[in-house]
N, C-alpha and C. Protein backbone atom coordinates (compact mmCIF):
# COMPACT_ATOMS: atom_id res chain seq x y z
N MET A 1 0.93 -1.10 -0.07
CA MET A 1 0.00 0.22 -0.06
C MET A 1 1.02 1.21 0.13
N ARG A 2 0.76 2.02 -0.83
CA ARG A 2 1.48 3.46 -0.91
C ARG A 2 1.16 4.20 0.10
N THR A 3 1.85 5.02 0.47
CA THR A 3 1.62 5.97 1.60
C THR A 3 1.81 7.68 1.26
N LEU A 4 1.19 8.17 1.53
CA LEU A 4 0.98 9.63 0.94
C LEU A 4 1.02 10.55 2.43
N LEU A 5 1.84 11.68 2.65
CA LEU A 5 1.85 12.37 3.34
C LEU A 5 1.00 13.55 3.00
N VAL A 6 -0.21 14.28 3.60
CA VAL A 6 -1.07 15.36 3.40
C VAL A 6 -0.42 16.47 4.69
N VAL A 7 0.18 17.36 4.00
CA VAL A 7 0.56 18.54 4.87
C VAL A 7 -0.11 19.77 4.58
N ASP A 8 -1.25 20.20 5.73
CA ASP A 8 -2.09 21.32 5.56
C ASP A 8 -2.23 21.89 6.80
N ASP A 9 -2.48 23.08 7.23
CA ASP A 9 -2.92 23.43 8.61
C ASP A 9 -4.39 23.65 8.62
N GLU A 10 -5.27 23.63 7.59
CA GLU A 10 -6.51 23.53 7.65
C GLU A 10 -7.07 22.08 7.94
N VAL A 11 -7.61 21.83 9.15
CA VAL A 11 -8.30 20.78 9.32
C VAL A 11 -9.08 19.87 8.71
N GLY A 12 -10.05 21.01 7.91
CA GLY A 12 -11.17 20.50 7.09
C GLY A 12 -10.57 19.96 6.03
N ILE A 13 -9.30 20.45 5.42
CA ILE A 13 -8.81 20.01 4.27
C ILE A 13 -8.22 18.59 4.25
N THR A 14 -7.54 18.22 6.01
CA THR A 14 -6.56 17.46 5.96
C THR A 14 -7.89 16.15 6.11
N GLU A 15 -9.13 16.31 7.07
CA GLU A 15 -9.65 15.48 6.73
C GLU A 15 -10.14 14.99 5.74
N ALA A 16 -10.65 15.87 4.96
CA ALA A 16 -11.53 15.55 3.24
C ALA A 16 -10.39 14.68 2.72
N LEU A 17 -8.93 15.22 2.77
CA LEU A 17 -7.98 14.37 1.75
C LEU A 17 -7.98 13.37 2.59
N ASN A 18 -7.61 12.66 3.62
CA ASN A 18 -7.60 11.42 4.45
C ASN A 18 -8.57 10.76 4.11
N ASP A 19 -9.87 11.13 4.02
CA ASP A 19 -11.19 10.39 3.60
C ASP A 19 -11.30 9.79 2.58
N LEU A 20 -10.85 10.84 1.44
CA LEU A 20 -10.68 10.64 -0.17
C LEU A 20 -9.53 9.48 -0.46
N LEU A 21 -8.27 9.82 0.28
CA LEU A 21 -7.30 9.06 -0.45
C LEU A 21 -7.45 7.95 0.22
N SER A 22 -7.80 7.85 1.40
CA SER A 22 -8.27 6.23 2.06
C SER A 22 -8.90 5.52 1.35
N GLU A 23 -10.41 5.88 0.88
CA GLU A 23 -11.03 5.10 -0.04
C GLU A 23 -10.41 4.83 -1.19
N GLU A 24 -9.31 5.57 -1.85
CA GLU A 24 -8.79 5.56 -3.01
C GLU A 24 -7.69 4.17 -3.01
N GLY A 25 -7.53 3.83 -1.49
CA GLY A 25 -6.52 2.79 -1.47
C GLY A 25 -5.52 3.10 -1.01
N PHE A 26 -4.85 4.26 -0.39
CA PHE A 26 -4.02 4.75 -0.08
C PHE A 26 -3.79 4.67 1.77
N HIS A 27 -2.38 4.55 2.23
CA HIS A 27 -2.07 4.86 3.46
C HIS A 27 -1.77 6.22 3.67
N VAL A 28 -2.91 7.24 4.57
CA VAL A 28 -2.74 8.39 4.59
C VAL A 28 -1.98 8.90 6.20
N LEU A 29 -1.06 9.93 6.04
CA LEU A 29 -0.33 10.27 6.75
C LEU A 29 -1.02 11.97 7.07
N VAL A 30 -1.19 12.38 7.92
CA VAL A 30 -1.22 13.80 7.98
C VAL A 30 -0.23 14.63 8.97
N ALA A 31 -0.01 15.79 8.58
CA ALA A 31 0.46 16.66 9.47
C ALA A 31 0.04 18.15 9.26
N PRO A 32 -0.28 19.06 10.23
CA PRO A 32 -0.78 20.02 10.68
C PRO A 32 0.17 21.23 9.88
N ASN A 33 1.47 20.94 9.98
CA ASN A 33 2.66 22.06 9.37
C ASN A 33 4.02 21.41 9.15
N GLY A 34 4.70 22.03 8.45
CA GLY A 34 6.08 21.20 7.82
C GLY A 34 6.89 20.84 8.96
N ARG A 35 7.06 21.39 10.10
CA ARG A 35 7.97 20.94 10.91
C ARG A 35 7.66 19.10 11.71
N VAL A 36 5.89 19.29 11.59
CA VAL A 36 5.65 17.98 11.78
C VAL A 36 5.50 16.95 10.90
N ALA A 37 5.56 17.60 9.53
CA ALA A 37 5.65 16.75 8.45
C ALA A 37 7.00 16.17 8.42
N LEU A 38 7.95 16.67 8.48
CA LEU A 38 9.18 16.25 8.99
C LEU A 38 9.64 14.85 9.88
N GLU A 39 9.09 15.41 10.73
CA GLU A 39 8.76 14.51 11.97
C GLU A 39 7.97 13.21 11.56
N ARG A 40 7.21 13.02 10.81
CA ARG A 40 6.38 12.16 10.37
C ARG A 40 7.30 11.32 9.50
N MET A 41 7.98 11.95 8.41
CA MET A 41 8.95 11.62 7.49
C MET A 41 9.98 10.55 8.05
N ALA A 42 10.60 11.06 9.25
CA ALA A 42 11.46 10.52 9.99
C ALA A 42 10.90 8.98 10.47
N GLU A 43 9.78 8.84 10.75
CA GLU A 43 9.22 7.70 11.41
C GLU A 43 8.66 6.70 9.99
N LYS A 44 8.17 7.30 9.13
CA LYS A 44 7.34 6.77 8.23
C LYS A 44 7.88 7.44 6.79
N ARG A 45 8.52 6.97 5.49
CA ARG A 45 8.91 7.85 4.31
C ARG A 45 7.50 7.41 3.49
N PRO A 46 7.13 8.56 3.28
CA PRO A 46 6.19 8.47 2.31
C PRO A 46 6.42 8.23 0.80
N ASP A 47 5.43 8.16 -0.06
CA ASP A 47 5.72 7.60 -1.51
C ASP A 47 5.22 8.98 -2.19
N LEU A 48 4.72 9.80 -1.77
CA LEU A 48 4.11 11.26 -2.04
C LEU A 48 3.63 12.17 -0.91
N ILE A 49 4.16 13.16 -1.44
CA ILE A 49 3.92 14.41 -0.11
C ILE A 49 2.76 15.62 -0.74
N LEU A 50 1.71 15.54 -0.32
CA LEU A 50 0.70 16.70 -1.01
C LEU A 50 1.21 17.93 0.32
N LEU A 51 1.60 19.08 -0.32
CA LEU A 51 1.95 19.91 0.64
C LEU A 51 1.16 21.01 0.45
N ASP A 52 0.86 21.88 1.59
CA ASP A 52 0.17 23.12 1.49
C ASP A 52 1.48 24.02 1.58
N TYR A 53 1.14 25.25 0.60
CA TYR A 53 2.39 26.36 0.57
C TYR A 53 2.29 27.18 1.62
N MET A 54 1.30 27.78 2.47
CA MET A 54 1.02 28.84 3.17
C MET A 54 0.36 28.11 4.45
N MET A 55 1.40 27.93 5.58
CA MET A 55 1.05 27.46 6.72
C MET A 55 2.10 28.32 7.88
N PRO A 56 1.45 28.11 9.01
CA PRO A 56 2.17 28.67 9.95
C PRO A 56 3.49 27.66 10.68
N VAL A 57 4.14 27.89 11.46
CA VAL A 57 5.39 27.13 11.98
C VAL A 57 6.20 26.84 10.96
N MET A 58 6.01 26.07 9.66
CA MET A 58 6.87 25.93 8.79
C MET A 58 6.05 25.70 7.53
N ASP A 59 6.62 26.76 6.69
CA ASP A 59 5.43 26.54 5.58
C ASP A 59 6.15 25.65 4.40
N GLY A 60 5.42 25.75 3.23
CA GLY A 60 5.69 25.04 2.35
C GLY A 60 7.39 24.86 1.43
N ARG A 61 7.51 26.62 1.64
CA ARG A 61 8.84 26.70 0.87
C ARG A 61 9.96 26.27 1.81
N GLU A 62 9.48 26.24 3.03
CA GLU A 62 10.38 26.05 4.09
C GLU A 62 10.69 24.33 4.05
N VAL A 63 9.59 23.52 4.19
CA VAL A 63 9.44 22.18 3.68
C VAL A 63 10.85 21.85 2.34
N LEU A 64 10.07 22.40 1.21
CA LEU A 64 10.59 21.95 0.15
C LEU A 64 12.38 22.28 0.03
N LEU A 65 12.91 23.34 0.74
CA LEU A 65 14.18 23.59 1.20
C LEU A 65 14.85 22.29 1.62
N ALA A 66 14.01 21.97 2.66
CA ALA A 66 14.68 20.78 3.87
C ALA A 66 14.40 19.76 3.27
N LEU A 67 13.68 19.28 2.14
CA LEU A 67 13.77 18.05 1.25
C LEU A 67 14.94 18.21 0.23
N GLN A 68 15.16 19.36 -0.24
CA GLN A 68 16.42 19.20 -1.02
C GLN A 68 17.70 19.14 -0.42
N ARG A 69 17.49 19.47 0.83
CA ARG A 69 18.99 18.96 1.18
C ARG A 69 19.24 17.87 2.04
N ASP A 70 18.25 17.19 2.26
CA ASP A 70 18.31 15.75 2.91
C ASP A 70 18.07 15.21 2.01
N GLU A 71 19.67 14.22 1.94
CA GLU A 71 19.76 13.27 0.42
C GLU A 71 19.34 12.09 0.39
N ALA A 72 18.20 11.71 1.92
CA ALA A 72 17.45 10.51 1.98
C ALA A 72 16.07 10.81 1.23
N ALA A 73 15.45 12.33 1.37
CA ALA A 73 14.18 12.59 1.21
C ALA A 73 14.01 13.08 -0.31
N ARG A 74 15.20 13.89 -0.74
CA ARG A 74 14.76 14.51 -2.06
C ARG A 74 14.04 14.27 -3.06
N ASP A 75 14.23 12.77 -3.10
CA ASP A 75 13.89 12.00 -4.32
C ASP A 75 12.15 11.63 -4.24
N ILE A 76 11.69 12.08 -2.95
CA ILE A 76 9.86 11.94 -2.84
C ILE A 76 9.49 13.02 -3.63
N PRO A 77 8.74 12.61 -4.35
CA PRO A 77 7.44 13.66 -5.05
C PRO A 77 7.10 14.32 -4.21
N VAL A 78 6.69 15.43 -4.38
CA VAL A 78 6.01 16.79 -3.78
C VAL A 78 4.64 17.32 -4.82
N LEU A 79 3.77 17.35 -4.30
CA LEU A 79 2.57 17.82 -5.14
C LEU A 79 2.04 19.26 -4.14
N LEU A 80 2.54 20.34 -4.36
CA LEU A 80 2.22 21.77 -3.86
C LEU A 80 1.15 22.02 -4.53
N MET A 81 0.36 22.46 -3.10
CA MET A 81 -1.02 23.10 -3.27
C MET A 81 -1.11 24.43 -2.75
N SER A 82 -1.46 25.40 -3.74
CA SER A 82 -1.93 26.50 -3.14
C SER A 82 -2.92 27.43 -3.77
N ALA A 83 -3.37 28.30 -3.06
CA ALA A 83 -4.23 29.33 -4.03
C ALA A 83 -3.39 30.51 -4.53
N VAL A 84 -1.96 30.57 -4.23
CA VAL A 84 -1.16 31.51 -4.75
C VAL A 84 -0.64 30.90 -6.21
N PRO A 85 -0.75 31.45 -7.20
CA PRO A 85 -0.30 31.19 -8.54
C PRO A 85 1.19 30.69 -8.77
N ARG A 86 1.55 29.43 -9.43
CA ARG A 86 2.68 29.14 -9.37
C ARG A 86 4.02 30.20 -9.31
N SER A 87 3.56 31.05 -10.73
CA SER A 87 4.19 31.89 -11.36
C SER A 87 4.67 33.01 -9.93
N SER A 88 4.14 32.93 -9.18
CA SER A 88 4.04 33.95 -7.71
C SER A 88 5.20 33.46 -6.81
N LEU A 89 5.54 32.21 -6.92
CA LEU A 89 6.24 31.20 -5.56
C LEU A 89 7.62 31.41 -5.87
N PRO A 90 8.18 31.68 -4.90
CA PRO A 90 9.83 31.90 -5.28
C PRO A 90 10.52 31.13 -6.25
N LEU A 91 11.42 31.42 -6.43
CA LEU A 91 12.39 30.34 -7.37
C LEU A 91 12.79 28.98 -7.13
N GLU A 92 13.02 29.39 -5.86
CA GLU A 92 13.75 28.02 -5.24
C GLU A 92 12.85 27.04 -4.74
N CYS A 93 11.61 27.43 -4.69
CA CYS A 93 10.32 26.61 -4.85
C CYS A 93 10.51 25.82 -5.91
N LYS A 94 10.64 24.16 -5.73
CA LYS A 94 10.73 23.45 -7.12
C LYS A 94 10.05 22.13 -6.57
N PRO A 95 8.81 22.26 -6.65
CA PRO A 95 7.97 20.96 -6.36
C PRO A 95 8.06 20.42 -7.50
N THR A 96 7.51 18.90 -7.39
CA THR A 96 7.46 18.09 -8.34
C THR A 96 6.38 18.08 -9.34
N ALA A 97 5.02 18.84 -8.85
CA ALA A 97 4.20 19.36 -9.48
C ALA A 97 3.23 20.32 -8.61
N PHE A 98 2.36 20.74 -8.99
CA PHE A 98 1.79 22.07 -8.35
C PHE A 98 0.45 22.20 -8.54
N LEU A 99 -0.63 22.01 -7.94
CA LEU A 99 -1.90 22.23 -7.98
C LEU A 99 -2.56 23.56 -7.70
N ARG A 100 -3.28 24.27 -8.09
CA ARG A 100 -3.65 25.57 -7.82
C ARG A 100 -5.01 25.43 -7.04
N LYS A 101 -5.18 25.92 -5.75
CA LYS A 101 -6.45 25.60 -5.08
C LYS A 101 -7.53 27.07 -5.48
N PRO A 102 -8.67 26.65 -5.75
CA PRO A 102 -8.95 25.31 -5.30
C PRO A 102 -9.30 24.41 -6.78
N PHE A 103 -9.20 22.80 -6.18
CA PHE A 103 -8.94 22.11 -7.31
C PHE A 103 -9.88 20.59 -7.40
N THR A 104 -10.36 20.44 -8.15
CA THR A 104 -11.44 19.23 -8.38
C THR A 104 -10.78 17.99 -7.56
N ILE A 105 -11.67 17.22 -7.02
CA ILE A 105 -11.14 15.96 -6.78
C ILE A 105 -10.35 14.74 -7.93
N ASP A 106 -11.36 14.84 -8.97
CA ASP A 106 -10.71 14.36 -10.27
C ASP A 106 -9.20 14.89 -10.78
N ARG A 107 -9.18 15.92 -10.48
CA ARG A 107 -7.86 16.72 -10.91
C ARG A 107 -6.38 16.41 -9.84
N LEU A 108 -6.97 16.14 -8.62
CA LEU A 108 -6.21 15.76 -7.54
C LEU A 108 -5.69 14.42 -7.99
N LEU A 109 -7.00 13.47 -8.07
CA LEU A 109 -6.40 11.99 -8.36
C LEU A 109 -5.89 11.29 -9.45
N THR A 110 -6.20 12.42 -10.59
CA THR A 110 -5.13 12.45 -12.17
C THR A 110 -3.65 12.48 -11.39
N GLU A 111 -3.66 13.71 -10.77
CA GLU A 111 -1.90 14.14 -10.53
C GLU A 111 -1.55 13.18 -9.27
N VAL A 112 -2.12 12.69 -8.48
CA VAL A 112 -1.40 11.54 -7.72
C VAL A 112 -1.25 10.22 -8.49
N GLY A 113 -2.13 10.03 -9.04
CA GLY A 113 -1.67 8.58 -10.16
C GLY A 113 -1.08 9.12 -10.88
N ARG A 114 -0.30 10.10 -11.87
CA ARG A 114 0.55 10.49 -12.79
C ARG A 114 1.85 10.71 -11.66
N LEU A 115 1.72 10.96 -10.82
CA LEU A 115 3.12 11.42 -9.71
C LEU A 115 3.77 9.89 -9.79
N LEU A 116 2.64 8.78 -9.21
CA LEU A 116 2.76 7.43 -8.43
C LEU A 116 2.82 6.36 -9.78
N GLY A 117 2.72 6.81 -10.74
CA GLY A 117 2.77 5.97 -12.03
C GLY A 117 1.57 5.36 -12.24
N GLY A 118 0.39 5.62 -11.32
CA GLY A 118 -0.86 4.85 -11.35
C GLY A 118 -1.69 5.03 -10.17
N PRO A 119 -3.18 4.50 -10.44
CA PRO A 119 -3.72 4.82 -8.90
C PRO A 119 -3.71 3.76 -8.11
N ALA A 120 -3.73 3.79 -6.75
CA ALA A 120 -3.40 2.87 -5.71
C ALA A 120 -4.28 1.72 -5.95
N LYS A 121 -5.42 1.50 -6.55
CA LYS A 121 -6.39 0.76 -6.79
C LYS A 121 -6.34 0.12 -8.09
N PRO A 122 -5.68 -1.15 -8.19
CA PRO A 122 -5.44 -1.78 -9.68
C PRO A 122 -7.03 -1.61 -10.45
């Protein structure tokens, strides 16, 4: 079973994504900010990270930079989610993929499947 790490400070979003992605056959870990996300990754390496950009404590930019510095984690794909257009993000923000909020469930599942090489369910 593939493991996804959902990182977002909005509880409603993490709950909805947890429910949706679990129903799709993924094991889902949740973190309310970047600092907790890095702690969760030390416990269980995810196959994909769904990362919100704007969060307190440690934002998406800081998480991306930490992942780039970590030799063991830099190859984990990151789907960055934000209401901020990608063109407005700092140049050092280099996620594997980007989804502009709001997005549809179909668009999210398509991106997750693309990044993982196929859906969780056969």
